[in-house]
Amino acid sequence: MSFAKTLSPAIREIRILCCQSSAASAGTREFISSTYPVLKQHNPDLPIMIREAKGTPARVFARYERGVERHVEVDNLSQSDVASKVAGLLNLS
């Protein structure tokens, strides 16, 4: 989770989408509950949006400078796998 402290200033927004009750989004929900406080503490001005909707596949989007967006699919992954995918996404900038 060291990526939470060293985010690039090129990252403008992080959006996390998942289902609030499905087993496929369980790892993503665990990731949110364990990582969100650290992310927000070290990046207080960065918008981090969490959107839960029934039946939504778990995905994480990152918006960079000039409106460039990338995302990773994190459906059916464990908390540690979600963290590594998100770390890869946030280090792309």
N, C-alpha and C. Protein backbone atom coordinates (compact mmCIF):
# COMPACT_ATOMS: atom_id res chain seq x y z
N MET A 1 0.83 -1.20 0.00
CA MET A 1 0.00 0.00 0.00
C MET A 1 0.87 1.25 0.00
N SER A 2 2.14 1.11 -0.29
CA SER A 2 3.02 2.28 -0.32
C SER A 2 2.65 3.23 -1.46
N PHE A 3 1.92 2.73 -2.46
CA PHE A 3 1.52 3.60 -3.57
C PHE A 3 0.62 4.73 -3.09
N ALA A 4 -0.07 4.55 -1.97
CA ALA A 4 -1.01 5.56 -1.47
C ALA A 4 -0.29 6.84 -1.05
N LYS A 5 0.96 6.74 -0.71
CA LYS A 5 1.69 7.91 -0.23
C LYS A 5 2.41 8.66 -1.34
N THR A 6 2.61 8.01 -2.48
CA THR A 6 3.44 8.60 -3.52
C THR A 6 2.70 8.76 -4.84
N LEU A 7 1.48 9.25 -4.81
CA LEU A 7 0.71 9.42 -6.04
C LEU A 7 1.24 10.61 -6.83
N SER A 8 1.26 10.43 -8.12
CA SER A 8 1.72 11.48 -9.02
C SER A 8 0.74 12.65 -9.03
N PRO A 9 1.25 13.87 -9.15
CA PRO A 9 0.35 15.02 -9.27
C PRO A 9 -0.44 15.01 -10.58
N ALA A 10 -0.06 14.14 -11.53
CA ALA A 10 -0.80 14.04 -12.79
C ALA A 10 -2.15 13.36 -12.61
N ILE A 11 -2.33 12.65 -11.51
CA ILE A 11 -3.62 11.98 -11.25
C ILE A 11 -4.61 13.02 -10.75
N ARG A 12 -5.73 13.14 -11.43
CA ARG A 12 -6.73 14.14 -11.10
C ARG A 12 -7.93 13.58 -10.33
N GLU A 13 -8.20 12.27 -10.49
CA GLU A 13 -9.39 11.70 -9.86
C GLU A 13 -9.28 10.17 -9.87
N ILE A 14 -9.83 9.56 -8.83
CA ILE A 14 -9.93 8.10 -8.75
C ILE A 14 -11.39 7.76 -8.52
N ARG A 15 -11.93 6.82 -9.33
CA ARG A 15 -13.30 6.35 -9.14
C ARG A 15 -13.29 4.85 -8.96
N ILE A 16 -13.98 4.39 -7.93
CA ILE A 16 -14.08 2.96 -7.67
C ILE A 16 -15.55 2.57 -7.79
N LEU A 17 -15.84 1.63 -8.67
CA LEU A 17 -17.20 1.14 -8.86
C LEU A 17 -17.27 -0.31 -8.40
N CYS A 18 -18.33 -0.65 -7.68
CA CYS A 18 -18.50 -2.02 -7.24
C CYS A 18 -19.95 -2.26 -6.81
N CYS A 19 -20.28 -3.51 -6.57
CA CYS A 19 -21.60 -3.88 -6.07
C CYS A 19 -21.50 -3.97 -4.55
N GLN A 20 -22.50 -3.45 -3.87
CA GLN A 20 -22.45 -3.42 -2.40
C GLN A 20 -22.73 -4.78 -1.77
N SER A 21 -23.18 -5.77 -2.54
CA SER A 21 -23.54 -7.04 -1.91
C SER A 21 -22.98 -8.28 -2.60
N SER A 22 -22.46 -8.19 -3.80
CA SER A 22 -22.03 -9.39 -4.52
C SER A 22 -20.69 -9.91 -4.01
N ALA A 23 -20.53 -11.22 -4.13
CA ALA A 23 -19.28 -11.86 -3.73
C ALA A 23 -18.14 -11.44 -4.66
N ALA A 24 -18.46 -11.13 -5.91
CA ALA A 24 -17.43 -10.73 -6.87
C ALA A 24 -16.76 -9.40 -6.49
N SER A 25 -17.47 -8.56 -5.75
CA SER A 25 -16.92 -7.27 -5.34
C SER A 25 -16.38 -7.27 -3.92
N ALA A 26 -16.35 -8.42 -3.27
CA ALA A 26 -15.91 -8.49 -1.86
C ALA A 26 -14.48 -7.98 -1.68
N GLY A 27 -13.57 -8.38 -2.55
CA GLY A 27 -12.18 -7.92 -2.45
C GLY A 27 -12.06 -6.42 -2.63
N THR A 28 -12.88 -5.88 -3.50
CA THR A 28 -12.87 -4.43 -3.73
C THR A 28 -13.40 -3.69 -2.52
N ARG A 29 -14.47 -4.21 -1.91
CA ARG A 29 -15.00 -3.56 -0.70
C ARG A 29 -13.99 -3.61 0.45
N GLU A 30 -13.27 -4.72 0.59
CA GLU A 30 -12.22 -4.82 1.61
C GLU A 30 -11.09 -3.84 1.31
N PHE A 31 -10.73 -3.72 0.04
CA PHE A 31 -9.70 -2.77 -0.37
C PHE A 31 -10.10 -1.34 0.01
N ILE A 32 -11.35 -1.00 -0.25
CA ILE A 32 -11.85 0.34 0.07
C ILE A 32 -11.76 0.60 1.57
N SER A 33 -12.24 -0.35 2.36
CA SER A 33 -12.27 -0.12 3.81
C SER A 33 -10.87 -0.04 4.41
N SER A 34 -9.90 -0.73 3.82
CA SER A 34 -8.56 -0.69 4.39
C SER A 34 -7.67 0.40 3.79
N THR A 35 -7.90 0.78 2.54
CA THR A 35 -6.99 1.69 1.85
C THR A 35 -7.49 3.12 1.75
N TYR A 36 -8.79 3.32 1.66
CA TYR A 36 -9.33 4.67 1.50
C TYR A 36 -8.82 5.65 2.56
N PRO A 37 -8.85 5.30 3.86
CA PRO A 37 -8.37 6.28 4.86
C PRO A 37 -6.92 6.71 4.63
N VAL A 38 -6.06 5.77 4.24
CA VAL A 38 -4.65 6.11 4.01
C VAL A 38 -4.52 6.97 2.76
N LEU A 39 -5.23 6.59 1.69
CA LEU A 39 -5.19 7.39 0.47
C LEU A 39 -5.63 8.83 0.74
N LYS A 40 -6.73 8.97 1.44
CA LYS A 40 -7.27 10.31 1.70
C LYS A 40 -6.37 11.11 2.64
N GLN A 41 -5.77 10.44 3.60
CA GLN A 41 -4.88 11.13 4.54
C GLN A 41 -3.67 11.71 3.81
N HIS A 42 -3.11 10.97 2.87
CA HIS A 42 -1.91 11.42 2.17
C HIS A 42 -2.20 12.25 0.93
N ASN A 43 -3.46 12.23 0.47
CA ASN A 43 -3.85 12.99 -0.72
C ASN A 43 -5.18 13.68 -0.47
N PRO A 44 -5.22 14.63 0.46
CA PRO A 44 -6.51 15.21 0.87
C PRO A 44 -7.25 15.98 -0.23
N ASP A 45 -6.55 16.48 -1.21
CA ASP A 45 -7.21 17.26 -2.27
C ASP A 45 -7.60 16.43 -3.48
N LEU A 46 -7.23 15.16 -3.50
CA LEU A 46 -7.54 14.29 -4.63
C LEU A 46 -8.96 13.74 -4.49
N PRO A 47 -9.82 13.96 -5.47
CA PRO A 47 -11.17 13.39 -5.41
C PRO A 47 -11.11 11.86 -5.57
N ILE A 48 -11.62 11.16 -4.58
CA ILE A 48 -11.72 9.70 -4.63
C ILE A 48 -13.19 9.36 -4.47
N MET A 49 -13.79 8.90 -5.56
CA MET A 49 -15.23 8.64 -5.55
C MET A 49 -15.48 7.14 -5.50
N ILE A 50 -16.37 6.75 -4.63
CA ILE A 50 -16.75 5.35 -4.49
C ILE A 50 -18.22 5.24 -4.87
N ARG A 51 -18.50 4.46 -5.89
CA ARG A 51 -19.86 4.30 -6.38
C ARG A 51 -20.27 2.84 -6.26
N GLU A 52 -21.31 2.60 -5.49
CA GLU A 52 -21.83 1.25 -5.33
C GLU A 52 -23.20 1.15 -6.00
N ALA A 53 -23.39 0.13 -6.82
CA ALA A 53 -24.66 -0.10 -7.48
C ALA A 53 -24.84 -1.60 -7.67
N LYS A 54 -26.03 -2.06 -7.43
CA LYS A 54 -26.31 -3.49 -7.50
C LYS A 54 -26.01 -4.02 -8.90
N GLY A 55 -25.24 -5.10 -8.94
CA GLY A 55 -24.90 -5.75 -10.19
C GLY A 55 -23.75 -5.13 -10.97
N THR A 56 -23.16 -4.07 -10.45
CA THR A 56 -22.05 -3.41 -11.15
C THR A 56 -20.77 -4.22 -11.01
N PRO A 57 -20.08 -4.51 -12.11
CA PRO A 57 -18.78 -5.20 -11.98
C PRO A 57 -17.76 -4.25 -11.35
N ALA A 58 -16.89 -4.80 -10.54
CA ALA A 58 -15.90 -3.98 -9.84
C ALA A 58 -14.83 -3.49 -10.81
N ARG A 59 -14.64 -2.17 -10.82
CA ARG A 59 -13.65 -1.53 -11.69
C ARG A 59 -13.09 -0.32 -10.97
N VAL A 60 -11.87 0.05 -11.32
CA VAL A 60 -11.25 1.25 -10.77
C VAL A 60 -10.78 2.10 -11.95
N PHE A 61 -11.19 3.37 -11.95
CA PHE A 61 -10.83 4.32 -13.00
C PHE A 61 -9.88 5.35 -12.42
N ALA A 62 -8.94 5.78 -13.23
CA ALA A 62 -8.06 6.90 -12.86
C ALA A 62 -8.11 7.91 -14.01
N ARG A 63 -8.32 9.17 -13.65
CA ARG A 63 -8.29 10.24 -14.64
C ARG A 63 -7.01 11.02 -14.44
N TYR A 64 -6.30 11.26 -15.52
CA TYR A 64 -5.01 11.94 -15.49
C TYR A 64 -5.13 13.32 -16.13
N GLU A 65 -4.01 13.99 -16.26
CA GLU A 65 -3.97 15.29 -16.93
C GLU A 65 -4.55 15.18 -18.32
N ARG A 66 -5.11 16.27 -18.79
CA ARG A 66 -5.67 16.39 -20.14
C ARG A 66 -6.82 15.42 -20.39
N GLY A 67 -7.49 14.97 -19.33
CA GLY A 67 -8.68 14.16 -19.48
C GLY A 67 -8.46 12.70 -19.84
N VAL A 68 -7.24 12.24 -19.83
CA VAL A 68 -6.95 10.84 -20.15
C VAL A 68 -7.46 9.96 -19.02
N GLU A 69 -8.22 8.91 -19.37
CA GLU A 69 -8.74 7.97 -18.37
C GLU A 69 -8.29 6.56 -18.70
N ARG A 70 -7.97 5.83 -17.63
CA ARG A 70 -7.65 4.41 -17.77
C ARG A 70 -8.39 3.68 -16.66
N HIS A 71 -8.63 2.40 -16.88
CA HIS A 71 -9.30 1.63 -15.83
C HIS A 71 -8.78 0.20 -15.79
N VAL A 72 -9.02 -0.45 -14.67
CA VAL A 72 -8.70 -1.87 -14.51
C VAL A 72 -9.94 -2.58 -13.99
N GLU A 73 -10.12 -3.81 -14.43
CA GLU A 73 -11.21 -4.66 -13.94
C GLU A 73 -10.71 -5.38 -12.70
N VAL A 74 -11.45 -5.29 -11.61
CA VAL A 74 -11.04 -5.93 -10.36
C VAL A 74 -12.13 -6.86 -9.81
N ASP A 75 -13.03 -7.29 -10.67
CA ASP A 75 -14.10 -8.21 -10.29
C ASP A 75 -13.49 -9.57 -9.94
N ASN A 76 -13.98 -10.21 -8.89
CA ASN A 76 -13.55 -11.54 -8.45
C ASN A 76 -12.08 -11.61 -8.04
N LEU A 77 -11.52 -10.51 -7.56
CA LEU A 77 -10.14 -10.51 -7.08
C LEU A 77 -10.12 -10.34 -5.56
N SER A 78 -9.05 -10.83 -4.94
CA SER A 78 -8.88 -10.64 -3.50
C SER A 78 -8.42 -9.21 -3.22
N GLN A 79 -8.42 -8.85 -1.96
CA GLN A 79 -8.01 -7.49 -1.57
C GLN A 79 -6.59 -7.20 -2.02
N SER A 80 -5.67 -8.14 -1.85
CA SER A 80 -4.28 -7.90 -2.24
C SER A 80 -4.13 -7.80 -3.75
N ASP A 81 -4.91 -8.60 -4.50
CA ASP A 81 -4.86 -8.50 -5.96
C ASP A 81 -5.42 -7.17 -6.44
N VAL A 82 -6.48 -6.70 -5.79
CA VAL A 82 -7.05 -5.39 -6.13
C VAL A 82 -6.00 -4.31 -5.87
N ALA A 83 -5.32 -4.40 -4.73
CA ALA A 83 -4.29 -3.40 -4.40
C ALA A 83 -3.18 -3.37 -5.43
N SER A 84 -2.73 -4.53 -5.90
CA SER A 84 -1.65 -4.55 -6.89
C SER A 84 -2.12 -4.01 -8.24
N LYS A 85 -3.37 -4.32 -8.64
CA LYS A 85 -3.91 -3.78 -9.89
C LYS A 85 -4.04 -2.26 -9.81
N VAL A 86 -4.53 -1.75 -8.68
CA VAL A 86 -4.70 -0.31 -8.50
C VAL A 86 -3.33 0.38 -8.47
N ALA A 87 -2.37 -0.25 -7.81
CA ALA A 87 -1.02 0.32 -7.77
C ALA A 87 -0.45 0.44 -9.18
N GLY A 88 -0.67 -0.57 -10.00
CA GLY A 88 -0.21 -0.52 -11.38
C GLY A 88 -0.90 0.59 -12.16
N LEU A 89 -2.19 0.75 -11.94
CA LEU A 89 -2.95 1.80 -12.63
C LEU A 89 -2.47 3.19 -12.22
N LEU A 90 -2.24 3.38 -10.95
CA LEU A 90 -1.86 4.71 -10.46
C LEU A 90 -0.40 5.05 -10.75
N ASN A 91 0.40 4.05 -11.07
CA ASN A 91 1.80 4.31 -11.42
C ASN A 91 2.01 4.51 -12.91
N LEU A 92 0.94 4.45 -13.70
CA LEU A 92 1.04 4.64 -15.14
C LEU A 92 1.30 6.09 -15.54
N SER A 93 0.96 7.01 -14.67
CA SER A 93 1.05 8.43 -15.03
C SER A 93 2.47 8.80 -15.36
